[in-house]
C-alpha atoms as a PDB file:
ATOM      1  CA  UNK A   1     -24.773  35.746   2.219  1.00  0.00           C
ATOM      2  CA  UNK A   2     -21.514  33.996   0.231  1.00  0.00           C
ATOM      3  CA  UNK A   3     -19.475  33.902   2.977  1.00  0.00           C
ATOM      4  CA  UNK A   4     -22.297  31.460   4.243  1.00  0.00           C
ATOM      5  CA  UNK A   5     -22.009  29.915   0.673  1.00  0.00           C
ATOM      6  CA  UNK A   6     -18.523  29.492   0.760  1.00  0.00           C
ATOM      7  CA  UNK A   7     -18.473  27.990   4.654  1.00  0.00           C
ATOM      8  CA  UNK A   8     -20.976  25.124   3.908  1.00  0.00           C
ATOM      9  CA  UNK A   9     -19.513  24.016   1.149  1.00  0.00           C
ATOM     10  CA  UNK A  10     -15.910  23.636   2.401  1.00  0.00           C
ATOM     11  CA  UNK A  11     -17.672  22.145   5.639  1.00  0.00           C
ATOM     12  CA  UNK A  12     -19.549  19.307   3.160  1.00  0.00           C
ATOM     13  CA  UNK A  13     -16.416  18.927   1.656  1.00  0.00           C
ATOM     14  CA  UNK A  14     -14.571  18.169   4.664  1.00  0.00           C
ATOM     15  CA  UNK A  15     -17.120  15.861   5.315  1.00  0.00           C
ATOM     16  CA  UNK A  16     -17.215  14.141   2.312  1.00  0.00           C
ATOM     17  CA  UNK A  17     -13.637  13.393   2.611  1.00  0.00           C
ATOM     18  CA  UNK A  18     -13.977  12.041   6.145  1.00  0.00           C
ATOM     19  CA  UNK A  19     -16.693   9.651   4.913  1.00  0.00           C
ATOM     20  CA  UNK A  20     -14.658   8.910   2.090  1.00  0.00           C
ATOM     21  CA  UNK A  21     -11.531   7.681   4.210  1.00  0.00           C
ATOM     22  CA  UNK A  22     -13.608   5.846   6.853  1.00  0.00           C
ATOM     23  CA  UNK A  23     -15.052   4.010   4.173  1.00  0.00           C
ATOM     24  CA  UNK A  24     -11.837   2.981   2.679  1.00  0.00           C
ATOM     25  CA  UNK A  25     -10.292   1.704   5.765  1.00  0.00           C
ATOM     26  CA  UNK A  26     -12.859  -0.215   6.134  1.00  0.00           C
ATOM     27  CA  UNK A  27     -12.577  -1.921   2.848  1.00  0.00           C
ATOM     28  CA  UNK A  28      -9.351  -2.166   3.655  1.00  0.00           C
ATOM     29  CA  UNK A  29      -9.577  -3.403   6.730  1.00  0.00           C
ATOM     30  CA  UNK A  30     -11.870  -6.579   5.434  1.00  0.00           C
ATOM     31  CA  UNK A  31     -10.324  -7.471   2.129  1.00  0.00           C
ATOM     32  CA  UNK A  32     -10.445 -11.167   2.737  1.00  0.00           C
ATOM     33  CA  UNK A  33      -7.294 -12.003   0.145  1.00  0.00           C
ATOM     34  CA  UNK A  34      -4.780  -9.960   2.770  1.00  0.00           C
ATOM     35  CA  UNK A  35      -1.487 -12.227   2.797  1.00  0.00           C
ATOM     36  CA  UNK A  36       0.180 -13.090   6.005  1.00  0.00           C
ATOM     37  CA  UNK A  37       3.136 -14.945   4.853  1.00  0.00           C
ATOM     38  CA  UNK A  38       5.380 -15.802   1.932  1.00  0.00           C
ATOM     39  CA  UNK A  39       4.290 -19.430   1.684  1.00  0.00           C
ATOM     40  CA  UNK A  40       0.403 -18.119   1.256  1.00  0.00           C
ATOM     41  CA  UNK A  41       0.975 -15.856  -1.508  1.00  0.00           C
ATOM     42  CA  UNK A  42      -0.418 -16.799  -4.486  1.00  0.00           C
ATOM     43  CA  UNK A  43       1.699 -17.320  -7.763  1.00  0.00           C
ATOM     44  CA  UNK A  44       2.242 -14.469 -10.725  1.00  0.00           C
ATOM     45  CA  UNK A  45       4.126 -14.085 -13.473  1.00  0.00           C
ATOM     46  CA  UNK A  46       5.599 -10.616 -11.702  1.00  0.00           C
ATOM     47  CA  UNK A  47       6.363  -9.228  -8.806  1.00  0.00           C
ATOM     48  CA  UNK A  48       6.408  -5.015  -8.108  1.00  0.00           C
ATOM     49  CA  UNK A  49       8.265  -4.543  -5.422  1.00  0.00           C
ATOM     50  CA  UNK A  50       8.360  -0.826  -4.300  1.00  0.00           C
ATOM     51  CA  UNK A  51      10.812   0.966  -2.849  1.00  0.00           C
ATOM     52  CA  UNK A  52      10.837   2.073   0.882  1.00  0.00           C
ATOM     53  CA  UNK A  53      13.655   4.857   0.836  1.00  0.00           C
ATOM     54  CA  UNK A  54      17.046   4.892   1.624  1.00  0.00           C
ATOM     55  CA  UNK A  55      19.309   5.883   5.147  1.00  0.00           C
ATOM     56  CA  UNK A  56      22.019   7.511   3.211  1.00  0.00           C
ATOM     57  CA  UNK A  57      23.393   7.136  -0.325  1.00  0.00           C
ATOM     58  CA  UNK A  58      24.133   3.766   0.127  1.00  0.00           C
ATOM     59  CA  UNK A  59      21.954   1.724   2.642  1.00  0.00           C
ATOM     60  CA  UNK A  60      17.984   0.977   2.280  1.00  0.00           C
ATOM     61  CA  UNK A  61      15.498   1.558   4.740  1.00  0.00           C
ATOM     62  CA  UNK A  62      14.081  -1.283   6.844  1.00  0.00           C
ATOM     63  CA  UNK A  63      11.040  -1.148   5.013  1.00  0.00           C
ATOM     64  CA  UNK A  64      12.540  -1.122   1.949  1.00  0.00           C
ATOM     65  CA  UNK A  65      15.412  -4.088   2.908  1.00  0.00           C
ATOM     66  CA  UNK A  66      12.162  -5.894   3.848  1.00  0.00           C
ATOM     67  CA  UNK A  67      10.374  -5.839   0.916  1.00  0.00           C
ATOM     68  CA  UNK A  68      13.891  -6.925  -1.273  1.00  0.00           C
ATOM     69  CA  UNK A  69      13.813  -9.820   1.305  1.00  0.00           C
ATOM     70  CA  UNK A  70      10.131 -10.542   0.607  1.00  0.00           C
ATOM     71  CA  UNK A  71      10.086 -10.494  -2.865  1.00  0.00           C
ATOM     72  CA  UNK A  72      13.530 -12.515  -2.653  1.00  0.00           C
ATOM     73  CA  UNK A  73      11.608 -14.829  -0.826  1.00  0.00           C
ATOM     74  CA  UNK A  74       8.994 -15.480  -3.271  1.00  0.00           C
ATOM     75  CA  UNK A  75      10.921 -15.679  -6.321  1.00  0.00           C
ATOM     76  CA  UNK A  76      13.176 -18.454  -4.803  1.00  0.00           C
ATOM     77  CA  UNK A  77      10.026 -20.383  -3.458  1.00  0.00           C
ATOM     78  CA  UNK A  78       8.586 -20.404  -7.343  1.00  0.00           C
ATOM     79  CA  UNK A  79       5.689 -18.196  -6.585  1.00  0.00           C
ATOM     80  CA  UNK A  80       6.640 -15.039  -8.830  1.00  0.00           C
ATOM     81  CA  UNK A  81       8.449 -16.003 -12.336  1.00  0.00           C
ATOM     82  CA  UNK A  82      10.363 -12.206 -12.368  1.00  0.00           C
ATOM     83  CA  UNK A  83      10.529  -9.202  -9.810  1.00  0.00           C
ATOM     84  CA  UNK A  84      10.338  -5.668 -10.918  1.00  0.00           C
ATOM     85  CA  UNK A  85      11.829  -2.919  -8.262  1.00  0.00           C
END
């Protein structure tokens, strides 16, 4: 009996997790305020640029290089006043 209850609760947790994933993805994909170009970005006092890893001790990964480049573009275009990396 206890084994059936544990399996039922585990199944319910897995089902709830997948429902959450689907709902979260739908919300993210339908966001009307996604920006596709730097010129279309809204202005802000600060841009928070997240890291993207390093290839080695001195070389940024491609993802991190793109994020830093876009942060610099936002600053140069006057879209942000400060950049935090």
